[in-house]
Every structure is written in C-alpha cells, then in structure tokens.
Amino acid sequence: MAEAIDDEFGIKAELIEGRGGVFDVCVDGTQVWCKKDEGRFPEHDELLDKIAKLSSK
C-alpha cells in the first residue's frame, strides 16, 4: 500500500508500529483512515481516492 501511495502521489509513507491491530492513515496530520472506526482495512483504490480528495481541497 505504501508503494501505491508513493507511485500515485509521490508521498513517502512512514510506518509507525502500534499494537492491537491499529491501522491509521494520516496525511499532513489529517486522518484519512482508521481501521478501528471502519472495522476493516481499506482497499488500495479506496485509500488512494480518500487521499486524492484530501489533496484536492
């Protein structure tokens, strides 16, 4: 997924290890995905779309 983000937006993803199945995606301090809230991992295209929408604001 990190590679897809880099390919699409030129953003280098940083992995911050957590515990308990945490999977959050933040861009410039704005959370675009939270596994705890959504109850699942995002699909690649789904996550790329959320990042694109954030970038276009």
Protein backbone atom coordinates (compact mmCIF):
# COMPACT_ATOMS: atom_id res chain seq x y z
CA MET A 1 0.00 0.00 0.00
CA ALA A 2 2.89 2.37 0.79
CA GLU A 3 4.25 1.81 -2.71
CA ALA A 4 0.88 2.64 -4.27
CA ILE A 5 0.71 5.90 -2.30
CA ASP A 6 4.24 6.82 -3.39
CA ASP A 7 3.53 5.93 -7.04
CA GLU A 8 0.27 7.89 -7.15
CA PHE A 9 1.16 10.98 -5.08
CA GLY A 10 4.92 10.96 -4.52
CA ILE A 11 4.32 10.69 -0.77
CA LYS A 12 6.75 8.54 1.21
CA ALA A 13 4.71 6.55 3.74
CA GLU A 14 6.10 6.16 7.24
CA LEU A 15 5.25 3.08 9.25
CA ILE A 16 4.74 3.71 12.94
CA GLU A 17 4.42 0.42 14.76
CA GLY A 18 1.46 0.03 17.05
CA ARG A 19 -0.31 -2.67 19.00
CA GLY A 20 -3.72 -4.26 18.96
CA GLY A 21 -4.38 -4.19 15.21
CA VAL A 22 -4.16 -0.41 14.86
CA PHE A 23 -4.09 0.77 11.23
CA ASP A 24 -4.49 4.51 10.78
CA VAL A 25 -3.54 6.55 7.73
CA CYS A 26 -2.82 10.25 8.15
CA VAL A 27 -1.72 12.80 5.57
CA ASP A 28 -0.16 16.01 6.88
CA GLY A 29 -1.79 15.43 10.26
CA THR A 30 -5.25 14.70 8.85
CA GLN A 31 -6.59 11.20 9.42
CA VAL A 32 -7.99 9.67 6.24
CA TRP A 33 -8.50 6.10 7.50
CA CYS A 34 -8.95 4.41 10.88
CA LYS A 35 -9.35 0.63 10.94
CA LYS A 36 -10.96 0.82 14.37
CA ASP A 37 -13.68 3.17 13.09
CA GLU A 38 -14.22 1.36 9.78
CA GLY A 39 -13.88 -2.18 11.15
CA ARG A 40 -11.61 -3.27 8.29
CA PHE A 41 -8.54 -2.50 6.23
CA PRO A 42 -9.04 -0.22 3.23
CA GLU A 43 -8.82 -1.40 -0.36
CA HIS A 44 -5.93 0.21 -2.27
CA ASP A 45 -8.18 2.22 -4.60
CA GLU A 46 -10.41 3.28 -1.74
CA LEU A 47 -7.47 4.69 0.21
CA LEU A 48 -5.96 6.38 -2.85
CA ASP A 49 -9.35 8.03 -3.53
CA LYS A 50 -9.55 9.39 0.03
CA ILE A 51 -6.03 10.81 -0.26
CA ALA A 52 -6.81 12.36 -3.65
CA LYS A 53 -9.94 14.02 -2.27
CA LEU A 54 -7.94 15.43 0.63
CA SER A 55 -5.24 16.71 -1.74
CA SER A 56 -7.81 18.49 -3.93
CA LYS A 57 -9.22 20.60 -1.07
